Amino acid sequence: MRRARSVLAALILLAVPGEALACACCTNLGQRYVEVEKLDSGRLEQIESLRFGKEARLYVGEAGVEYIKGIQDPAERYGLKVAWDKTHAAAGKIRIVFTLDNPERRSGTLSLMLPQKISIFEVDPRDSPDQGTGPVLYKEWKLTGEVTGFGAFNGINGANQVLTLILHGRGNSCTSAEDFTHWTLVTEGPKGTYSLFGDLAE
């Protein structure tokens, strides 16, 4: 009997860490988290591992592309390539470069200077059932920094102009790159305000 109890106690102790780990990622009905935090190495690694789709679309709305301010000869669709520029990483300056190409219109690049902070938004949208570990959260990670434009996008260079990369996704309370499925790129300021959007590759 004593041996049986010892074995049972050992099994319970072995089970606790796994349960604790699972609960750390659990969500709750009505959960909401909105905060600006330091962009640490863990989150940066997740962002660097993302792979962007091959197309970017310009948000036009009802007005039409001719009313977009800040892009020379704008197009509704662009081929997309994304790269990291770490030439000046030692000085703390890292850029994410978005190359936007349209064979029938002017092409160019938008570069986002990586900021020191990241904006985190997680909320239970209350549109999915509890699967046993809580509802699925809608998530956004936002990076806002200095913008540099070249080619068709050089019209947004100037003071008080910023670029924001928004990563959209869903998941539990433990966020990883696999949670994110879409992106939006928003430039705002006196030189022009517009947004591009697209998918993240699996």
C-alpha atoms as a PDB file:
ATOM      1  CA  MET A   1       0.000   0.000   0.000  1.00  0.00           C
ATOM      2  CA  ARG A   2       2.821   2.408   0.958  1.00  0.00           C
ATOM      3  CA  ARG A   3       4.589   1.634  -2.337  1.00  0.00           C
ATOM      4  CA  ALA A   4       1.394   2.274  -4.290  1.00  0.00           C
ATOM      5  CA  ARG A   5       0.926   5.629  -2.553  1.00  0.00           C
ATOM      6  CA  SER A   6       4.540   6.597  -3.322  1.00  0.00           C
ATOM      7  CA  VAL A   7       4.086   5.789  -6.992  1.00  0.00           C
ATOM      8  CA  LEU A   8       0.835   7.786  -7.089  1.00  0.00           C
ATOM      9  CA  ALA A   9       2.485  10.787  -5.424  1.00  0.00           C
ATOM     10  CA  ALA A  10       5.365  10.648  -7.897  1.00  0.00           C
ATOM     11  CA  LEU A  11       2.945  10.608 -10.818  1.00  0.00           C
ATOM     12  CA  ILE A  12       1.105  13.647  -9.450  1.00  0.00           C
ATOM     13  CA  LEU A  13       4.352  15.576  -9.041  1.00  0.00           C
ATOM     14  CA  LEU A  14       5.362  14.725 -12.598  1.00  0.00           C
ATOM     15  CA  ALA A  15       1.987  15.910 -13.880  1.00  0.00           C
ATOM     16  CA  VAL A  16       2.070  19.311 -12.180  1.00  0.00           C
ATOM     17  CA  PRO A  17       4.757  21.005 -14.345  1.00  0.00           C
ATOM     18  CA  GLY A  18       2.924  20.056 -17.542  1.00  0.00           C
ATOM     19  CA  GLU A  19      -0.370  21.368 -16.208  1.00  0.00           C
ATOM     20  CA  ALA A  20       1.293  24.547 -14.985  1.00  0.00           C
ATOM     21  CA  LEU A  21       2.847  25.058 -18.399  1.00  0.00           C
ATOM     22  CA  ALA A  22      -0.497  24.538 -20.112  1.00  0.00           C
ATOM     23  CA  CYS A  23      -2.254  26.979 -17.773  1.00  0.00           C
ATOM     24  CA  ALA A  24       0.391  29.622 -18.438  1.00  0.00           C
ATOM     25  CA  CYS A  25      -0.892  29.693 -22.033  1.00  0.00           C
ATOM     26  CA  CYS A  26      -4.586  29.423 -21.115  1.00  0.00           C
ATOM     27  CA  THR A  27      -6.943  32.314 -21.820  1.00  0.00           C
ATOM     28  CA  ASN A  28     -10.057  33.590 -20.067  1.00  0.00           C
ATOM     29  CA  LEU A  29     -13.426  34.882 -21.200  1.00  0.00           C
ATOM     30  CA  GLY A  30     -13.261  38.648 -21.652  1.00  0.00           C
ATOM     31  CA  GLN A  31      -9.445  38.709 -21.460  1.00  0.00           C
ATOM     32  CA  ARG A  32      -7.807  41.935 -22.644  1.00  0.00           C
ATOM     33  CA  TYR A  33      -4.180  43.105 -22.589  1.00  0.00           C
ATOM     34  CA  VAL A  34      -2.953  46.416 -24.031  1.00  0.00           C
ATOM     35  CA  GLU A  35       0.588  47.533 -23.228  1.00  0.00           C
ATOM     36  CA  VAL A  36       3.762  49.076 -24.654  1.00  0.00           C
ATOM     37  CA  GLU A  37       6.818  47.030 -23.733  1.00  0.00           C
ATOM     38  CA  LYS A  38      10.518  46.809 -24.511  1.00  0.00           C
ATOM     39  CA  LEU A  39      11.289  45.058 -27.780  1.00  0.00           C
ATOM     40  CA  ASP A  40      13.380  42.277 -26.270  1.00  0.00           C
ATOM     41  CA  SER A  41      15.479  39.654 -28.058  1.00  0.00           C
ATOM     42  CA  GLY A  42      12.746  37.007 -27.764  1.00  0.00           C
ATOM     43  CA  ARG A  43      10.111  39.050 -29.572  1.00  0.00           C
ATOM     44  CA  LEU A  44      12.653  40.322 -32.091  1.00  0.00           C
ATOM     45  CA  GLU A  45      13.584  36.730 -32.926  1.00  0.00           C
ATOM     46  CA  GLN A  46       9.923  35.896 -33.536  1.00  0.00           C
ATOM     47  CA  ILE A  47       9.498  38.906 -35.837  1.00  0.00           C
ATOM     48  CA  GLU A  48      12.671  38.083 -37.783  1.00  0.00           C
ATOM     49  CA  SER A  49      11.403  34.545 -38.398  1.00  0.00           C
ATOM     50  CA  LEU A  50       8.269  35.790 -40.175  1.00  0.00           C
ATOM     51  CA  ARG A  51       8.020  35.342 -43.927  1.00  0.00           C
ATOM     52  CA  PHE A  52       5.958  37.822 -45.910  1.00  0.00           C
ATOM     53  CA  GLY A  53       3.788  36.908 -48.879  1.00  0.00           C
ATOM     54  CA  LYS A  54       4.795  38.010 -52.365  1.00  0.00           C
ATOM     55  CA  GLU A  55       2.119  40.678 -52.788  1.00  0.00           C
ATOM     56  CA  ALA A  56       1.241  43.966 -51.081  1.00  0.00           C
ATOM     57  CA  ARG A  57      -2.048  45.759 -51.679  1.00  0.00           C
ATOM     58  CA  LEU A  58      -2.671  49.470 -51.284  1.00  0.00           C
ATOM     59  CA  TYR A  59      -5.761  50.396 -49.269  1.00  0.00           C
ATOM     60  CA  VAL A  60      -7.784  52.607 -51.591  1.00  0.00           C
ATOM     61  CA  GLY A  61     -11.328  52.719 -50.241  1.00  0.00           C
ATOM     62  CA  GLU A  62     -13.996  54.515 -52.257  1.00  0.00           C
ATOM     63  CA  ALA A  63     -11.882  57.435 -53.552  1.00  0.00           C
ATOM     64  CA  GLY A  64      -9.470  55.657 -55.939  1.00  0.00           C
ATOM     65  CA  VAL A  65      -5.687  55.525 -56.260  1.00  0.00           C
ATOM     66  CA  GLU A  66      -5.439  59.010 -57.771  1.00  0.00           C
ATOM     67  CA  TYR A  67      -6.333  60.490 -54.383  1.00  0.00           C
ATOM     68  CA  ILE A  68      -3.528  58.730 -52.487  1.00  0.00           C
ATOM     69  CA  LYS A  69      -1.079  61.319 -51.158  1.00  0.00           C
ATOM     70  CA  GLY A  70       2.616  60.484 -50.732  1.00  0.00           C
ATOM     71  CA  ILE A  71       3.083  57.891 -53.511  1.00  0.00           C
ATOM     72  CA  GLN A  72       4.133  58.830 -57.035  1.00  0.00           C
ATOM     73  CA  ASP A  73       1.968  57.057 -59.628  1.00  0.00           C
ATOM     74  CA  PRO A  74       0.386  54.718 -57.042  1.00  0.00           C
ATOM     75  CA  ALA A  75      -0.826  51.219 -57.887  1.00  0.00           C
ATOM     76  CA  GLU A  76      -3.355  49.018 -56.119  1.00  0.00           C
ATOM     77  CA  ARG A  77      -1.009  46.004 -56.103  1.00  0.00           C
ATOM     78  CA  TYR A  78       2.749  45.587 -55.736  1.00  0.00           C
ATOM     79  CA  GLY A  79       5.146  42.685 -55.752  1.00  0.00           C
ATOM     80  CA  LEU A  80       6.757  42.506 -52.316  1.00  0.00           C
ATOM     81  CA  LYS A  81      10.157  41.572 -50.936  1.00  0.00           C
ATOM     82  CA  VAL A  82      11.146  42.166 -47.312  1.00  0.00           C
ATOM     83  CA  ALA A  83      14.711  42.247 -46.002  1.00  0.00           C
ATOM     84  CA  TRP A  84      16.555  43.244 -42.833  1.00  0.00           C
ATOM     85  CA  ASP A  85      19.266  45.905 -43.094  1.00  0.00           C
ATOM     86  CA  LYS A  86      21.736  45.420 -40.220  1.00  0.00           C
ATOM     87  CA  THR A  87      24.562  47.492 -41.697  1.00  0.00           C
ATOM     88  CA  HIS A  88      24.545  49.775 -38.660  1.00  0.00           C
ATOM     89  CA  ALA A  89      23.349  47.218 -36.089  1.00  0.00           C
ATOM     90  CA  ALA A  90      26.355  47.955 -33.859  1.00  0.00           C
ATOM     91  CA  ALA A  91      25.000  51.488 -33.452  1.00  0.00           C
ATOM     92  CA  GLY A  92      21.554  50.127 -32.611  1.00  0.00           C
ATOM     93  CA  LYS A  93      20.113  50.983 -36.024  1.00  0.00           C
ATOM     94  CA  ILE A  94      18.286  48.146 -37.746  1.00  0.00           C
ATOM     95  CA  ARG A  95      15.851  48.652 -40.594  1.00  0.00           C
ATOM     96  CA  ILE A  96      13.149  46.500 -42.126  1.00  0.00           C
ATOM     97  CA  VAL A  97      13.107  47.245 -45.858  1.00  0.00           C
ATOM     98  CA  PHE A  98       9.926  46.707 -47.904  1.00  0.00           C
ATOM     99  CA  THR A  99      10.634  46.627 -51.647  1.00  0.00           C
ATOM    100  CA  LEU A 100       7.449  47.334 -53.595  1.00  0.00           C
ATOM    101  CA  ASP A 101       7.476  46.674 -57.318  1.00  0.00           C
ATOM    102  CA  ASN A 102       4.888  47.242 -60.032  1.00  0.00           C
ATOM    103  CA  PRO A 103       6.025  46.775 -63.655  1.00  0.00           C
ATOM    104  CA  GLU A 104       3.421  49.220 -64.981  1.00  0.00           C
ATOM    105  CA  ARG A 105       3.908  51.942 -62.356  1.00  0.00           C
ATOM    106  CA  ARG A 106       6.764  53.450 -60.366  1.00  0.00           C
ATOM    107  CA  SER A 107       8.386  51.154 -57.810  1.00  0.00           C
ATOM    108  CA  GLY A 108      10.406  51.852 -54.671  1.00  0.00           C
ATOM    109  CA  THR A 109      11.055  50.999 -51.038  1.00  0.00           C
ATOM    110  CA  LEU A 110       9.787  51.866 -47.582  1.00  0.00           C
ATOM    111  CA  SER A 111      12.188  51.347 -44.677  1.00  0.00           C
ATOM    112  CA  LEU A 112      11.163  51.146 -41.034  1.00  0.00           C
ATOM    113  CA  MET A 113      13.760  51.983 -38.384  1.00  0.00           C
ATOM    114  CA  LEU A 114      13.281  49.348 -35.708  1.00  0.00           C
ATOM    115  CA  PRO A 115      12.064  51.017 -32.486  1.00  0.00           C
ATOM    116  CA  GLN A 116      13.013  50.170 -28.898  1.00  0.00           C
ATOM    117  CA  LYS A 117       9.373  49.528 -27.931  1.00  0.00           C
ATOM    118  CA  ILE A 118       6.602  47.274 -29.176  1.00  0.00           C
ATOM    119  CA  SER A 119       2.863  47.774 -28.708  1.00  0.00           C
ATOM    120  CA  ILE A 120       0.986  44.619 -27.642  1.00  0.00           C
ATOM    121  CA  PHE A 121      -2.768  44.198 -28.093  1.00  0.00           C
ATOM    122  CA  GLU A 122      -4.584  40.994 -27.143  1.00  0.00           C
ATOM    123  CA  VAL A 123      -8.336  40.645 -26.680  1.00  0.00           C
ATOM    124  CA  ASP A 124     -10.993  37.980 -26.471  1.00  0.00           C
ATOM    125  CA  PRO A 125     -13.305  38.952 -29.369  1.00  0.00           C
ATOM    126  CA  ARG A 126     -15.902  36.534 -27.996  1.00  0.00           C
ATOM    127  CA  ASP A 127     -16.455  34.961 -31.395  1.00  0.00           C
ATOM    128  CA  SER A 128     -14.937  31.512 -30.787  1.00  0.00           C
ATOM    129  CA  PRO A 129     -15.890  28.696 -28.392  1.00  0.00           C
ATOM    130  CA  ASP A 130     -13.749  27.645 -25.443  1.00  0.00           C
ATOM    131  CA  GLN A 131     -11.707  24.623 -26.537  1.00  0.00           C
ATOM    132  CA  GLY A 132     -10.871  23.637 -22.954  1.00  0.00           C
ATOM    133  CA  THR A 133      -8.001  26.083 -22.461  1.00  0.00           C
ATOM    134  CA  GLY A 134     -10.011  29.265 -22.999  1.00  0.00           C
ATOM    135  CA  PRO A 135     -11.120  31.338 -26.009  1.00  0.00           C
ATOM    136  CA  VAL A 136      -8.846  32.226 -28.927  1.00  0.00           C
ATOM    137  CA  LEU A 137      -7.457  35.762 -28.636  1.00  0.00           C
ATOM    138  CA  TYR A 138      -7.161  38.297 -31.442  1.00  0.00           C
ATOM    139  CA  LYS A 139      -3.632  39.796 -31.389  1.00  0.00           C
ATOM    140  CA  GLU A 140      -1.678  42.725 -32.787  1.00  0.00           C
ATOM    141  CA  TRP A 141       1.998  43.560 -32.458  1.00  0.00           C
ATOM    142  CA  LYS A 142       2.833  47.105 -33.578  1.00  0.00           C
ATOM    143  CA  LEU A 143       6.248  48.575 -34.375  1.00  0.00           C
ATOM    144  CA  THR A 144       6.355  52.342 -35.031  1.00  0.00           C
ATOM    145  CA  GLY A 145       9.492  54.162 -36.111  1.00  0.00           C
ATOM    146  CA  GLU A 146      11.240  56.529 -38.491  1.00  0.00           C
ATOM    147  CA  VAL A 147      10.439  55.989 -42.157  1.00  0.00           C
ATOM    148  CA  THR A 148      12.625  56.392 -45.236  1.00  0.00           C
ATOM    149  CA  GLY A 149      11.149  56.174 -48.721  1.00  0.00           C
ATOM    150  CA  PHE A 150      12.872  55.756 -52.090  1.00  0.00           C
ATOM    151  CA  GLY A 151      11.597  55.784 -55.643  1.00  0.00           C
ATOM    152  CA  ALA A 152       7.812  56.060 -55.793  1.00  0.00           C
ATOM    153  CA  PHE A 153       7.704  56.427 -52.009  1.00  0.00           C
ATOM    154  CA  ASN A 154      10.260  59.216 -51.453  1.00  0.00           C
ATOM    155  CA  GLY A 155       7.457  61.743 -51.111  1.00  0.00           C
ATOM    156  CA  ILE A 156       6.944  60.775 -47.468  1.00  0.00           C
ATOM    157  CA  ASN A 157      10.456  61.670 -46.315  1.00  0.00           C
ATOM    158  CA  GLY A 158      10.392  64.450 -43.745  1.00  0.00           C
ATOM    159  CA  ALA A 159       9.865  65.433 -40.156  1.00  0.00           C
ATOM    160  CA  ASN A 160       6.963  64.017 -38.137  1.00  0.00           C
ATOM    161  CA  GLN A 161       6.446  61.177 -40.601  1.00  0.00           C
ATOM    162  CA  VAL A 162       6.321  57.657 -39.125  1.00  0.00           C
ATOM    163  CA  LEU A 163       5.832  54.127 -40.360  1.00  0.00           C
ATOM    164  CA  THR A 164       4.014  51.416 -38.390  1.00  0.00           C
ATOM    165  CA  LEU A 165       4.172  47.687 -39.056  1.00  0.00           C
ATOM    166  CA  ILE A 166       1.177  45.846 -37.600  1.00  0.00           C
ATOM    167  CA  LEU A 167       1.203  42.062 -37.321  1.00  0.00           C
ATOM    168  CA  HIS A 168      -2.245  40.456 -37.002  1.00  0.00           C
ATOM    169  CA  GLY A 169      -3.028  37.022 -35.643  1.00  0.00           C
ATOM    170  CA  ARG A 170      -4.846  34.742 -33.228  1.00  0.00           C
ATOM    171  CA  GLY A 171      -3.822  32.326 -30.501  1.00  0.00           C
ATOM    172  CA  ASN A 172      -3.523  31.692 -26.782  1.00  0.00           C
ATOM    173  CA  SER A 173      -1.620  33.638 -24.125  1.00  0.00           C
ATOM    174  CA  CYS A 174       1.767  32.323 -25.326  1.00  0.00           C
ATOM    175  CA  THR A 175       2.518  34.237 -28.523  1.00  0.00           C
ATOM    176  CA  SER A 176       4.854  32.985 -31.241  1.00  0.00           C
ATOM    177  CA  ALA A 177       5.460  33.804 -34.902  1.00  0.00           C
ATOM    178  CA  GLU A 178       3.056  31.020 -35.951  1.00  0.00           C
ATOM    179  CA  ASP A 179       0.149  33.011 -34.479  1.00  0.00           C
ATOM    180  CA  PHE A 180       0.457  35.800 -37.044  1.00  0.00           C
ATOM    181  CA  THR A 181      -1.174  35.489 -40.460  1.00  0.00           C
ATOM    182  CA  HIS A 182      -1.504  39.041 -41.859  1.00  0.00           C
ATOM    183  CA  TRP A 183       0.284  42.388 -41.817  1.00  0.00           C
ATOM    184  CA  THR A 184      -0.504  46.078 -42.366  1.00  0.00           C
ATOM    185  CA  LEU A 185       1.994  48.859 -43.053  1.00  0.00           C
ATOM    186  CA  VAL A 186       0.776  52.373 -42.230  1.00  0.00           C
ATOM    187  CA  THR A 187       2.593  55.623 -42.921  1.00  0.00           C
ATOM    188  CA  GLU A 188       1.283  58.737 -41.182  1.00  0.00           C
ATOM    189  CA  GLY A 189       2.254  62.394 -41.165  1.00  0.00           C
ATOM    190  CA  PRO A 190       2.053  65.705 -43.036  1.00  0.00           C
ATOM    191  CA  LYS A 191       3.641  64.228 -46.175  1.00  0.00           C
ATOM    192  CA  GLY A 192       0.978  61.582 -46.588  1.00  0.00           C
ATOM    193  CA  THR A 193      -1.094  58.943 -44.838  1.00  0.00           C
ATOM    194  CA  TYR A 194      -1.795  55.601 -46.485  1.00  0.00           C
ATOM    195  CA  SER A 195      -1.615  51.887 -45.749  1.00  0.00           C
ATOM    196  CA  LEU A 196      -0.500  48.713 -47.469  1.00  0.00           C
ATOM    197  CA  PHE A 197      -1.515  45.220 -46.407  1.00  0.00           C
ATOM    198  CA  GLY A 198      -0.951  41.566 -47.184  1.00  0.00           C
ATOM    199  CA  ASP A 199      -0.514  38.019 -45.943  1.00  0.00           C
ATOM    200  CA  LEU A 200       2.259  36.258 -44.077  1.00  0.00           C
ATOM    201  CA  ALA A 201       3.511  33.045 -45.640  1.00  0.00           C
ATOM    202  CA  GLU A 202       3.073  29.803 -43.689  1.00  0.00           C
END
